[in-house]
Amino acid sequence: MLERGETAAAAWRAIHDRFATFAGVLTDGELHDLLAATASLCDATARAEIRDDFTPRIAAASDGPHRLDQALAAIDRCTARRAAASSIVHALAALPPAGRGWTPRP
């Protein structure tokens, strides 16, 4: 559900908008599974929502805070990779086209 990049943001929006309802009926195991699925998201806003949504509900669950930290760290790594890739793309776009006074170094 959240692993597919093209639908992950929309799926998270739907879950986040109804999180209190979902969290109230999920077992600890199901809540852990949902938390694990959020690790595939790659958005700072979603990260903050996940932290805010899960923190009060996962604190009492077995190994809950550690699992939350893992999911948030995975999101942080993804957003950092995306930012680095964006910087590389911008740097490459700023270079003059090959063959117009620019020669790559061997």
PDB file of N, CA and C in Angstrom:
ATOM      1  N   MET A   1       0.821  -1.184   0.000  1.00  0.00           N
ATOM      2  CA  MET A   1       0.000   0.000   0.000  1.00  0.00           C
ATOM      3  C   MET A   1       0.868   1.251   0.000  1.00  0.00           C
ATOM      4  N   LEU A   2       1.851   1.327   0.887  1.00  0.00           N
ATOM      5  CA  LEU A   2       2.710   2.506   0.928  1.00  0.00           C
ATOM      6  C   LEU A   2       4.033   2.284   0.201  1.00  0.00           C
ATOM      7  N   GLU A   3       4.275   1.075  -0.271  1.00  0.00           N
ATOM      8  CA  GLU A   3       5.530   0.785  -0.948  1.00  0.00           C
ATOM      9  C   GLU A   3       5.551   1.285  -2.383  1.00  0.00           C
ATOM     10  N   ARG A   4       4.402   1.465  -3.008  1.00  0.00           N
ATOM     11  CA  ARG A   4       4.341   1.913  -4.397  1.00  0.00           C
ATOM     12  C   ARG A   4       4.446   3.428  -4.433  1.00  0.00           C
ATOM     13  N   GLY A   5       5.543   3.902  -4.997  1.00  0.00           N
ATOM     14  CA  GLY A   5       5.813   5.334  -5.004  1.00  0.00           C
ATOM     15  C   GLY A   5       4.707   6.173  -5.587  1.00  0.00           C
ATOM     16  N   GLU A   6       4.070   5.668  -6.653  1.00  0.00           N
ATOM     17  CA  GLU A   6       3.050   6.472  -7.321  1.00  0.00           C
ATOM     18  C   GLU A   6       1.762   6.607  -6.506  1.00  0.00           C
ATOM     19  N   THR A   7       1.542   5.734  -5.548  1.00  0.00           N
ATOM     20  CA  THR A   7       0.324   5.825  -4.736  1.00  0.00           C
ATOM     21  C   THR A   7       0.597   6.058  -3.250  1.00  0.00           C
ATOM     22  N   ALA A   8       1.865   6.044  -2.863  1.00  0.00           N
ATOM     23  CA  ALA A   8       2.207   6.119  -1.442  1.00  0.00           C
ATOM     24  C   ALA A   8       1.705   7.397  -0.783  1.00  0.00           C
ATOM     25  N   ALA A   9       1.900   8.530  -1.436  1.00  0.00           N
ATOM     26  CA  ALA A   9       1.476   9.803  -0.832  1.00  0.00           C
ATOM     27  C   ALA A   9      -0.036   9.838  -0.631  1.00  0.00           C
ATOM     28  N   ALA A  10      -0.784   9.388  -1.628  1.00  0.00           N
ATOM     29  CA  ALA A  10      -2.245   9.382  -1.502  1.00  0.00           C
ATOM     30  C   ALA A  10      -2.697   8.390  -0.426  1.00  0.00           C
ATOM     31  N   ALA A  11      -2.054   7.239  -0.365  1.00  0.00           N
ATOM     32  CA  ALA A  11      -2.403   6.254   0.663  1.00  0.00           C
ATOM     33  C   ALA A  11      -2.128   6.810   2.053  1.00  0.00           C
ATOM     34  N   TRP A  12      -0.960   7.442   2.217  1.00  0.00           N
ATOM     35  CA  TRP A  12      -0.655   8.022   3.522  1.00  0.00           C
ATOM     36  C   TRP A  12      -1.645   9.108   3.882  1.00  0.00           C
ATOM     37  N   ARG A  13      -2.028   9.960   2.945  1.00  0.00           N
ATOM     38  CA  ARG A  13      -3.014  11.015   3.216  1.00  0.00           C
ATOM     39  C   ARG A  13      -4.297  10.394   3.772  1.00  0.00           C
ATOM     40  N   ALA A  14      -4.767   9.336   3.129  1.00  0.00           N
ATOM     41  CA  ALA A  14      -6.007   8.680   3.571  1.00  0.00           C
ATOM     42  C   ALA A  14      -5.854   8.090   4.973  1.00  0.00           C
ATOM     43  N   ILE A  15      -4.709   7.469   5.228  1.00  0.00           N
ATOM     44  CA  ILE A  15      -4.465   6.886   6.551  1.00  0.00           C
ATOM     45  C   ILE A  15      -4.335   7.992   7.597  1.00  0.00           C
ATOM     46  N   HIS A  16      -3.538   8.996   7.300  1.00  0.00           N
ATOM     47  CA  HIS A  16      -3.311  10.084   8.262  1.00  0.00           C
ATOM     48  C   HIS A  16      -4.627  10.783   8.630  1.00  0.00           C
ATOM     49  N   ASP A  17      -5.461  11.024   7.629  1.00  0.00           N
ATOM     50  CA  ASP A  17      -6.731  11.711   7.884  1.00  0.00           C
ATOM     51  C   ASP A  17      -7.651  10.914   8.804  1.00  0.00           C
ATOM     52  N   ARG A  18      -7.452   9.616   8.876  1.00  0.00           N
ATOM     53  CA  ARG A  18      -8.299   8.737   9.698  1.00  0.00           C
ATOM     54  C   ARG A  18      -7.492   7.976  10.749  1.00  0.00           C
ATOM     55  N   PHE A  19      -6.309   8.482  11.068  1.00  0.00           N
ATOM     56  CA  PHE A  19      -5.390   7.720  11.907  1.00  0.00           C
ATOM     57  C   PHE A  19      -5.981   7.385  13.271  1.00  0.00           C
ATOM     58  N   ALA A  20      -6.644   8.314  13.897  1.00  0.00           N
ATOM     59  CA  ALA A  20      -7.207   8.057  15.232  1.00  0.00           C
ATOM     60  C   ALA A  20      -8.170   6.873  15.197  1.00  0.00           C
ATOM     61  N   THR A  21      -8.954   6.782  14.128  1.00  0.00           N
ATOM     62  CA  THR A  21      -9.891   5.665  13.984  1.00  0.00           C
ATOM     63  C   THR A  21      -9.136   4.360  13.770  1.00  0.00           C
ATOM     64  N   PHE A  22      -8.158   4.386  12.848  1.00  0.00           N
ATOM     65  CA  PHE A  22      -7.366   3.175  12.578  1.00  0.00           C
ATOM     66  C   PHE A  22      -6.644   2.703  13.830  1.00  0.00           C
ATOM     67  N   ALA A  23      -5.951   3.618  14.484  1.00  0.00           N
ATOM     68  CA  ALA A  23      -5.133   3.251  15.634  1.00  0.00           C
ATOM     69  C   ALA A  23      -5.967   2.665  16.766  1.00  0.00           C
ATOM     70  N   GLY A  24      -7.208   3.090  16.853  1.00  0.00           N
ATOM     71  CA  GLY A  24      -8.068   2.588  17.916  1.00  0.00           C
ATOM     72  C   GLY A  24      -8.514   1.149  17.745  1.00  0.00           C
ATOM     73  N   VAL A  25      -8.429   0.624  16.543  1.00  0.00           N
ATOM     74  CA  VAL A  25      -8.899  -0.743  16.301  1.00  0.00           C
ATOM     75  C   VAL A  25      -7.776  -1.715  15.935  1.00  0.00           C
ATOM     76  N   LEU A  26      -6.572  -1.215  15.711  1.00  0.00           N
ATOM     77  CA  LEU A  26      -5.464  -2.077  15.327  1.00  0.00           C
ATOM     78  C   LEU A  26      -4.811  -2.721  16.547  1.00  0.00           C
ATOM     79  N   THR A  27      -4.383  -3.954  16.383  1.00  0.00           N
ATOM     80  CA  THR A  27      -3.593  -4.605  17.429  1.00  0.00           C
ATOM     81  C   THR A  27      -2.192  -3.998  17.408  1.00  0.00           C
ATOM     82  N   ASP A  28      -1.400  -4.282  18.430  1.00  0.00           N
ATOM     83  CA  ASP A  28      -0.022  -3.788  18.450  1.00  0.00           C
ATOM     84  C   ASP A  28       0.736  -4.280  17.209  1.00  0.00           C
ATOM     85  N   GLY A  29       0.538  -5.522  16.832  1.00  0.00           N
ATOM     86  CA  GLY A  29       1.209  -6.083  15.662  1.00  0.00           C
ATOM     87  C   GLY A  29       0.809  -5.366  14.384  1.00  0.00           C
ATOM     88  N   GLU A  30      -0.469  -5.082  14.242  1.00  0.00           N
ATOM     89  CA  GLU A  30      -0.943  -4.367  13.055  1.00  0.00           C
ATOM     90  C   GLU A  30      -0.435  -2.927  13.034  1.00  0.00           C
ATOM     91  N   LEU A  31      -0.380  -2.306  14.196  1.00  0.00           N
ATOM     92  CA  LEU A  31       0.150  -0.949  14.290  1.00  0.00           C
ATOM     93  C   LEU A  31       1.632  -0.931  13.907  1.00  0.00           C
ATOM     94  N   HIS A  32       2.375  -1.960  14.356  1.00  0.00           N
ATOM     95  CA  HIS A  32       3.787  -2.083  13.982  1.00  0.00           C
ATOM     96  C   HIS A  32       3.928  -2.276  12.471  1.00  0.00           C
ATOM     97  N   ASP A  33       3.051  -3.087  11.880  1.00  0.00           N
ATOM     98  CA  ASP A  33       3.096  -3.300  10.427  1.00  0.00           C
ATOM     99  C   ASP A  33       2.823  -2.001   9.670  1.00  0.00           C
ATOM    100  N   LEU A  34       1.842  -1.249  10.127  1.00  0.00           N
ATOM    101  CA  LEU A  34       1.534   0.030   9.494  1.00  0.00           C
ATOM    102  C   LEU A  34       2.719   0.979   9.632  1.00  0.00           C
ATOM    103  N   LEU A  35       3.320   1.023  10.807  1.00  0.00           N
ATOM    104  CA  LEU A  35       4.487   1.863  11.019  1.00  0.00           C
ATOM    105  C   LEU A  35       5.631   1.445  10.093  1.00  0.00           C
ATOM    106  N   ALA A  36       5.877   0.153   9.974  1.00  0.00           N
ATOM    107  CA  ALA A  36       6.939  -0.338   9.086  1.00  0.00           C
ATOM    108  C   ALA A  36       6.676   0.086   7.642  1.00  0.00           C
ATOM    109  N   ALA A  37       5.433   0.076   7.228  1.00  0.00           N
ATOM    110  CA  ALA A  37       5.096   0.472   5.852  1.00  0.00           C
ATOM    111  C   ALA A  37       5.388   1.952   5.612  1.00  0.00           C
ATOM    112  N   THR A  38       5.293   2.778   6.639  1.00  0.00           N
ATOM    113  CA  THR A  38       5.546   4.209   6.457  1.00  0.00           C
ATOM    114  C   THR A  38       7.011   4.500   6.161  1.00  0.00           C
ATOM    115  N   ALA A  39       7.892   3.564   6.457  1.00  0.00           N
ATOM    116  CA  ALA A  39       9.326   3.773   6.221  1.00  0.00           C
ATOM    117  C   ALA A  39       9.643   3.964   4.746  1.00  0.00           C
ATOM    118  N   SER A  40       8.726   3.583   3.871  1.00  0.00           N
ATOM    119  CA  SER A  40       8.969   3.743   2.430  1.00  0.00           C
ATOM    120  C   SER A  40       8.584   5.135   1.930  1.00  0.00           C
ATOM    121  N   LEU A  41       7.996   5.954   2.781  1.00  0.00           N
ATOM    122  CA  LEU A  41       7.651   7.314   2.367  1.00  0.00           C
ATOM    123  C   LEU A  41       8.913   8.170   2.303  1.00  0.00           C
ATOM    124  N   CYS A  42       8.846   9.234   1.531  1.00  0.00           N
ATOM    125  CA  CYS A  42      10.038  10.054   1.296  1.00  0.00           C
ATOM    126  C   CYS A  42       9.644  11.530   1.274  1.00  0.00           C
ATOM    127  N   ASP A  43       9.057  11.980   2.386  1.00  0.00           N
ATOM    128  CA  ASP A  43       8.521  13.328   2.420  1.00  0.00           C
ATOM    129  C   ASP A  43       8.618  13.872   3.843  1.00  0.00           C
ATOM    130  N   ALA A  44       9.142  15.073   3.988  1.00  0.00           N
ATOM    131  CA  ALA A  44       9.331  15.661   5.309  1.00  0.00           C
ATOM    132  C   ALA A  44       8.001  15.921   6.024  1.00  0.00           C
ATOM    133  N   THR A  45       6.990  16.309   5.281  1.00  0.00           N
ATOM    134  CA  THR A  45       5.681  16.554   5.897  1.00  0.00           C
ATOM    135  C   THR A  45       5.094  15.253   6.426  1.00  0.00           C
ATOM    136  N   ALA A  46       5.159  14.199   5.618  1.00  0.00           N
ATOM    137  CA  ALA A  46       4.661  12.896   6.061  1.00  0.00           C
ATOM    138  C   ALA A  46       5.446  12.412   7.278  1.00  0.00           C
ATOM    139  N   ARG A  47       6.757  12.672   7.292  1.00  0.00           N
ATOM    140  CA  ARG A  47       7.580  12.259   8.432  1.00  0.00           C
ATOM    141  C   ARG A  47       7.067  12.903   9.713  1.00  0.00           C
ATOM    142  N   ALA A  48       6.801  14.195   9.675  1.00  0.00           N
ATOM    143  CA  ALA A  48       6.297  14.898  10.860  1.00  0.00           C
ATOM    144  C   ALA A  48       4.941  14.341  11.278  1.00  0.00           C
ATOM    145  N   GLU A  49       4.087  14.043  10.316  1.00  0.00           N
ATOM    146  CA  GLU A  49       2.768  13.484  10.626  1.00  0.00           C
ATOM    147  C   GLU A  49       2.901  12.099  11.248  1.00  0.00           C
ATOM    148  N   ILE A  50       3.804  11.290  10.713  1.00  0.00           N
ATOM    149  CA  ILE A  50       4.033   9.943  11.258  1.00  0.00           C
ATOM    150  C   ILE A  50       4.522  10.053  12.697  1.00  0.00           C
ATOM    151  N   ARG A  51       5.485  10.925  12.930  1.00  0.00           N
ATOM    152  CA  ARG A  51       5.998  11.129  14.288  1.00  0.00           C
ATOM    153  C   ARG A  51       4.854  11.535  15.225  1.00  0.00           C
ATOM    154  N   ASP A  52       4.063  12.508  14.808  1.00  0.00           N
ATOM    155  CA  ASP A  52       2.979  13.001  15.660  1.00  0.00           C
ATOM    156  C   ASP A  52       1.873  11.966  15.846  1.00  0.00           C
ATOM    157  N   ASP A  53       1.533  11.238  14.777  1.00  0.00           N
ATOM    158  CA  ASP A  53       0.459  10.246  14.861  1.00  0.00           C
ATOM    159  C   ASP A  53       0.860   9.047  15.714  1.00  0.00           C
ATOM    160  N   PHE A  54       2.056   8.526  15.495  1.00  0.00           N
ATOM    161  CA  PHE A  54       2.451   7.273  16.131  1.00  0.00           C
ATOM    162  C   PHE A  54       3.010   7.438  17.537  1.00  0.00           C
ATOM    163  N   THR A  55       3.652   8.561  17.834  1.00  0.00           N
ATOM    164  CA  THR A  55       4.339   8.696  19.125  1.00  0.00           C
ATOM    165  C   THR A  55       3.455   8.361  20.323  1.00  0.00           C
ATOM    166  N   PRO A  56       2.280   8.942  20.462  1.00  0.00           N
ATOM    167  CA  PRO A  56       1.486   8.614  21.659  1.00  0.00           C
ATOM    168  C   PRO A  56       0.926   7.186  21.651  1.00  0.00           C
ATOM    169  N   ARG A  57       0.735   6.607  20.493  1.00  0.00           N
ATOM    170  CA  ARG A  57       0.109   5.291  20.421  1.00  0.00           C
ATOM    171  C   ARG A  57       1.116   4.151  20.476  1.00  0.00           C
ATOM    172  N   ILE A  58       2.329   4.405  20.047  1.00  0.00           N
ATOM    173  CA  ILE A  58       3.326   3.345  19.953  1.00  0.00           C
ATOM    174  C   ILE A  58       4.204   3.286  21.194  1.00  0.00           C
ATOM    175  N   ALA A  59       4.167   4.323  22.019  1.00  0.00           N
ATOM    176  CA  ALA A  59       5.054   4.409  23.184  1.00  0.00           C
ATOM    177  C   ALA A  59       4.908   3.211  24.117  1.00  0.00           C
ATOM    178  N   ALA A  60       3.700   2.741  24.307  1.00  0.00           N
ATOM    179  CA  ALA A  60       3.475   1.636  25.235  1.00  0.00           C
ATOM    180  C   ALA A  60       3.641   0.267  24.581  1.00  0.00           C
ATOM    181  N   ALA A  61       3.688   0.223  23.260  1.00  0.00           N
ATOM    182  CA  ALA A  61       3.814  -1.050  22.557  1.00  0.00           C
ATOM    183  C   ALA A  61       5.227  -1.587  22.709  1.00  0.00           C
ATOM    184  N   SER A  62       5.341  -2.893  22.723  1.00  0.00           N
ATOM    185  CA  SER A  62       6.649  -3.529  22.834  1.00  0.00           C
ATOM    186  C   SER A  62       7.560  -3.079  21.694  1.00  0.00           C
ATOM    187  N   ASP A  63       8.711  -2.527  22.039  1.00  0.00           N
ATOM    188  CA  ASP A  63       9.712  -2.070  21.068  1.00  0.00           C
ATOM    189  C   ASP A  63       9.192  -0.947  20.176  1.00  0.00           C
ATOM    190  N   GLY A  64       8.092  -0.322  20.575  1.00  0.00           N
ATOM    191  CA  GLY A  64       7.471   0.716  19.760  1.00  0.00           C
ATOM    192  C   GLY A  64       8.346   1.920  19.468  1.00  0.00           C
ATOM    193  N   PRO A  65       8.941   2.553  20.492  1.00  0.00           N
ATOM    194  CA  PRO A  65       9.771   3.724  20.215  1.00  0.00           C
ATOM    195  C   PRO A  65      10.949   3.411  19.287  1.00  0.00           C
ATOM    196  N   HIS A  66      11.553   2.233  19.454  1.00  0.00           N
ATOM    197  CA  HIS A  66      12.672   1.843  18.577  1.00  0.00           C
ATOM    198  C   HIS A  66      12.195   1.684  17.137  1.00  0.00           C
ATOM    199  N   ARG A  67      11.050   1.071  16.952  1.00  0.00           N
ATOM    200  CA  ARG A  67      10.508   0.898  15.596  1.00  0.00           C
ATOM    201  C   ARG A  67      10.145   2.244  14.965  1.00  0.00           C
ATOM    202  N   LEU A  68       9.619   3.147  15.762  1.00  0.00           N
ATOM    203  CA  LEU A  68       9.312   4.482  15.257  1.00  0.00           C
ATOM    204  C   LEU A  68      10.595   5.184  14.831  1.00  0.00           C
ATOM    205  N   ASP A  69      11.626   5.090  15.658  1.00  0.00           N
ATOM    206  CA  ASP A  69      12.920   5.692  15.298  1.00  0.00           C
ATOM    207  C   ASP A  69      13.450   5.115  13.989  1.00  0.00           C
ATOM    208  N   GLN A  70      13.303   3.806  13.795  1.00  0.00           N
ATOM    209  CA  GLN A  70      13.770   3.170  12.558  1.00  0.00           C
ATOM    210  C   GLN A  70      13.008   3.690  11.344  1.00  0.00           C
ATOM    211  N   ALA A  71      11.703   3.801  11.455  1.00  0.00           N
ATOM    212  CA  ALA A  71      10.895   4.288  10.332  1.00  0.00           C
ATOM    213  C   ALA A  71      11.247   5.735  10.001  1.00  0.00           C
ATOM    214  N   LEU A  72      11.392   6.559  11.031  1.00  0.00           N
ATOM    215  CA  LEU A  72      11.736   7.972  10.797  1.00  0.00           C
ATOM    216  C   LEU A  72      13.136   8.094  10.194  1.00  0.00           C
ATOM    217  N   ALA A  73      14.060   7.262  10.632  1.00  0.00           N
ATOM    218  CA  ALA A  73      15.419   7.288  10.073  1.00  0.00           C
ATOM    219  C   ALA A  73      15.411   6.886   8.600  1.00  0.00           C
ATOM    220  N   ALA A  74      14.576   5.911   8.237  1.00  0.00           N
ATOM    221  CA  ALA A  74      14.476   5.501   6.829  1.00  0.00           C
ATOM    222  C   ALA A  74      13.941   6.649   5.974  1.00  0.00           C
ATOM    223  N   ILE A  75      12.953   7.360   6.484  1.00  0.00           N
ATOM    224  CA  ILE A  75      12.406   8.518   5.759  1.00  0.00           C
ATOM    225  C   ILE A  75      13.480   9.597   5.638  1.00  0.00           C
ATOM    226  N   ASP A  76      14.233   9.819   6.714  1.00  0.00           N
ATOM    227  CA  ASP A  76      15.309  10.817   6.679  1.00  0.00           C
ATOM    228  C   ASP A  76      16.348  10.465   5.618  1.00  0.00           C
ATOM    229  N   ARG A  77      16.736   9.187   5.543  1.00  0.00           N
ATOM    230  CA  ARG A  77      17.721   8.768   4.534  1.00  0.00           C
ATOM    231  C   ARG A  77      17.188   9.008   3.128  1.00  0.00           C
ATOM    232  N   CYS A  78      15.923   8.706   2.908  1.00  0.00           N
ATOM    233  CA  CYS A  78      15.329   8.889   1.586  1.00  0.00           C
ATOM    234  C   CYS A  78      15.282  10.366   1.208  1.00  0.00           C
ATOM    235  N   THR A  79      14.848  11.210   2.125  1.00  0.00           N
ATOM    236  CA  THR A  79      14.768  12.636   1.795  1.00  0.00           C
ATOM    237  C   THR A  79      16.161  13.219   1.578  1.00  0.00           C
ATOM    238  N   ALA A  80      17.159  12.724   2.304  1.00  0.00           N
ATOM    239  CA  ALA A  80      18.536  13.188   2.094  1.00  0.00           C
ATOM    240  C   ALA A  80      19.048  12.759   0.720  1.00  0.00           C
ATOM    241  N   ARG A  81      18.770  11.509   0.331  1.00  0.00           N
ATOM    242  CA  ARG A  81      19.166  11.036  -1.009  1.00  0.00           C
ATOM    243  C   ARG A  81      18.475  11.852  -2.089  1.00  0.00           C
ATOM    244  N   ARG A  82      17.218  12.132  -1.905  1.00  0.00           N
ATOM    245  CA  ARG A  82      16.468  12.917  -2.895  1.00  0.00           C
ATOM    246  C   ARG A  82      17.037  14.329  -3.005  1.00  0.00           C
ATOM    247  N   ALA A  83      17.373  14.934  -1.888  1.00  0.00           N
ATOM    248  CA  ALA A  83      17.953  16.277  -1.916  1.00  0.00           C
ATOM    249  C   ALA A  83      19.315  16.267  -2.593  1.00  0.00           C
ATOM    250  N   ALA A  84      20.125  15.248  -2.311  1.00  0.00           N
ATOM    251  CA  ALA A  84      21.443  15.150  -2.945  1.00  0.00           C
ATOM    252  C   ALA A  84      21.300  14.953  -4.449  1.00  0.00           C
ATOM    253  N   ALA A  85      20.368  14.108  -4.849  1.00  0.00           N
ATOM    254  CA  ALA A  85      20.150  13.876  -6.281  1.00  0.00           C
ATOM    255  C   ALA A  85      19.683  15.157  -6.962  1.00  0.00           C
ATOM    256  N   SER A  86      18.845  15.907  -6.305  1.00  0.00           N
ATOM    257  CA  SER A  86      18.368  17.168  -6.863  1.00  0.00           C
ATOM    258  C   SER A  86      19.519  18.146  -7.042  1.00  0.00           C
ATOM    259  N   SER A  87      20.422  18.189  -6.064  1.00  0.00           N
ATOM    260  CA  SER A  87      21.584  19.073  -6.165  1.00  0.00           C
ATOM    261  C   SER A  87      22.459  18.683  -7.344  1.00  0.00           C
ATOM    262  N   ILE A  88      22.647  17.391  -7.556  1.00  0.00           N
ATOM    263  CA  ILE A  88      23.454  16.910  -8.679  1.00  0.00           C
ATOM    264  C   ILE A  88      22.791  17.291  -9.997  1.00  0.00           C
ATOM    265  N   VAL A  89      21.487  17.103 -10.086  1.00  0.00           N
ATOM    266  CA  VAL A  89      20.755  17.443 -11.309  1.00  0.00           C
ATOM    267  C   VAL A  89      20.893  18.928 -11.614  1.00  0.00           C
ATOM    268  N   HIS A  90      20.751  19.770 -10.597  1.00  0.00           N
ATOM    269  CA  HIS A  90      20.880  21.218 -10.805  1.00  0.00           C
ATOM    270  C   HIS A  90      22.298  21.590 -11.230  1.00  0.00           C
ATOM    271  N   ALA A  91      23.288  20.947 -10.634  1.00  0.00           N
ATOM    272  CA  ALA A  91      24.680  21.230 -11.003  1.00  0.00           C
ATOM    273  C   ALA A  91      24.949  20.816 -12.443  1.00  0.00           C
ATOM    274  N   LEU A  92      24.440  19.662 -12.840  1.00  0.00           N
ATOM    275  CA  LEU A  92      24.633  19.206 -14.218  1.00  0.00           C
ATOM    276  C   LEU A  92      23.896  20.104 -15.206  1.00  0.00           C
ATOM    277  N   ALA A  93      22.723  20.553 -14.823  1.00  0.00           N
ATOM    278  CA  ALA A  93      21.950  21.423 -15.717  1.00  0.00           C
ATOM    279  C   ALA A  93      22.644  22.770 -15.927  1.00  0.00           C
ATOM    280  N   ALA A  94      23.448  23.182 -14.976  1.00  0.00           N
ATOM    281  CA  ALA A  94      24.136  24.462 -15.083  1.00  0.00           C
ATOM    282  C   ALA A  94      25.379  24.396 -15.970  1.00  0.00           C
ATOM    283  N   LEU A  95      25.839  23.182 -16.268  1.00  0.00           N
ATOM    284  CA  LEU A  95      27.019  23.034 -17.123  1.00  0.00           C
ATOM    285  C   LEU A  95      26.666  23.371 -18.565  1.00  0.00           C
ATOM    286  N   PRO A  96      27.635  23.913 -19.306  1.00  0.00           N
ATOM    287  CA  PRO A  96      27.369  24.147 -20.725  1.00  0.00           C
ATOM    288  C   PRO A  96      27.274  22.819 -21.458  1.00  0.00           C
ATOM    289  N   PRO A  97      26.522  22.753 -22.531  1.00  0.00           N
ATOM    290  CA  PRO A  97      26.393  21.503 -23.268  1.00  0.00           C
ATOM    291  C   PRO A  97      27.752  21.041 -23.803  1.00  0.00           C
ATOM    292  N   ALA A  98      27.957  19.755 -23.858  1.00  0.00           N
ATOM    293  CA  ALA A  98      29.190  19.191 -24.397  1.00  0.00           C
ATOM    294  C   ALA A  98      29.335  19.614 -25.849  1.00  0.00           C
ATOM    295  N   GLY A  99      30.554  19.896 -26.242  1.00  0.00           N
ATOM    296  CA  GLY A  99      30.801  20.290 -27.626  1.00  0.00           C
ATOM    297  C   GLY A  99      30.725  21.782 -27.843  1.00  0.00           C
ATOM    298  N   ARG A 100      30.413  22.527 -26.807  1.00  0.00           N
ATOM    299  CA  ARG A 100      30.322  23.995 -26.936  1.00  0.00           C
ATOM    300  C   ARG A 100      31.286  24.659 -25.956  1.00  0.00           C
ATOM    301  N   GLY A 101      32.546  24.396 -26.179  1.00  0.00           N
ATOM    302  CA  GLY A 101      33.553  25.018 -25.338  1.00  0.00           C
ATOM    303  C   GLY A 101      33.806  24.279 -24.039  1.00  0.00           C
ATOM    304  N   TRP A 102      33.264  23.121 -23.894  1.00  0.00           N
ATOM    305  CA  TRP A 102      33.479  22.345 -22.678  1.00  0.00           C
ATOM    306  C   TRP A 102      33.896  20.956 -23.082  1.00  0.00           C
ATOM    307  N   THR A 103      34.984  20.503 -22.522  1.00  0.00           N
ATOM    308  CA  THR A 103      35.469  19.163 -22.807  1.00  0.00           C
ATOM    309  C   THR A 103      35.601  18.422 -21.494  1.00  0.00           C
ATOM    310  N   PRO A 104      34.985  17.251 -21.382  1.00  0.00           N
ATOM    311  CA  PRO A 104      35.111  16.495 -20.136  1.00  0.00           C
ATOM    312  C   PRO A 104      36.553  16.053 -19.921  1.00  0.00           C
ATOM    313  N   ARG A 105      36.949  15.978 -18.681  1.00  0.00           N
ATOM    314  CA  ARG A 105      38.285  15.515 -18.341  1.00  0.00           C
ATOM    315  C   ARG A 105      38.329  13.999 -18.404  1.00  0.00           C
ATOM    316  N   PRO A 106      39.479  13.471 -18.827  1.00  0.00           N
ATOM    317  CA  PRO A 106      39.598  11.994 -18.883  1.00  0.00           C
ATOM    318  C   PRO A 106      39.653  11.381 -17.502  1.00  0.00           C
TER     319      PRO A 106
END
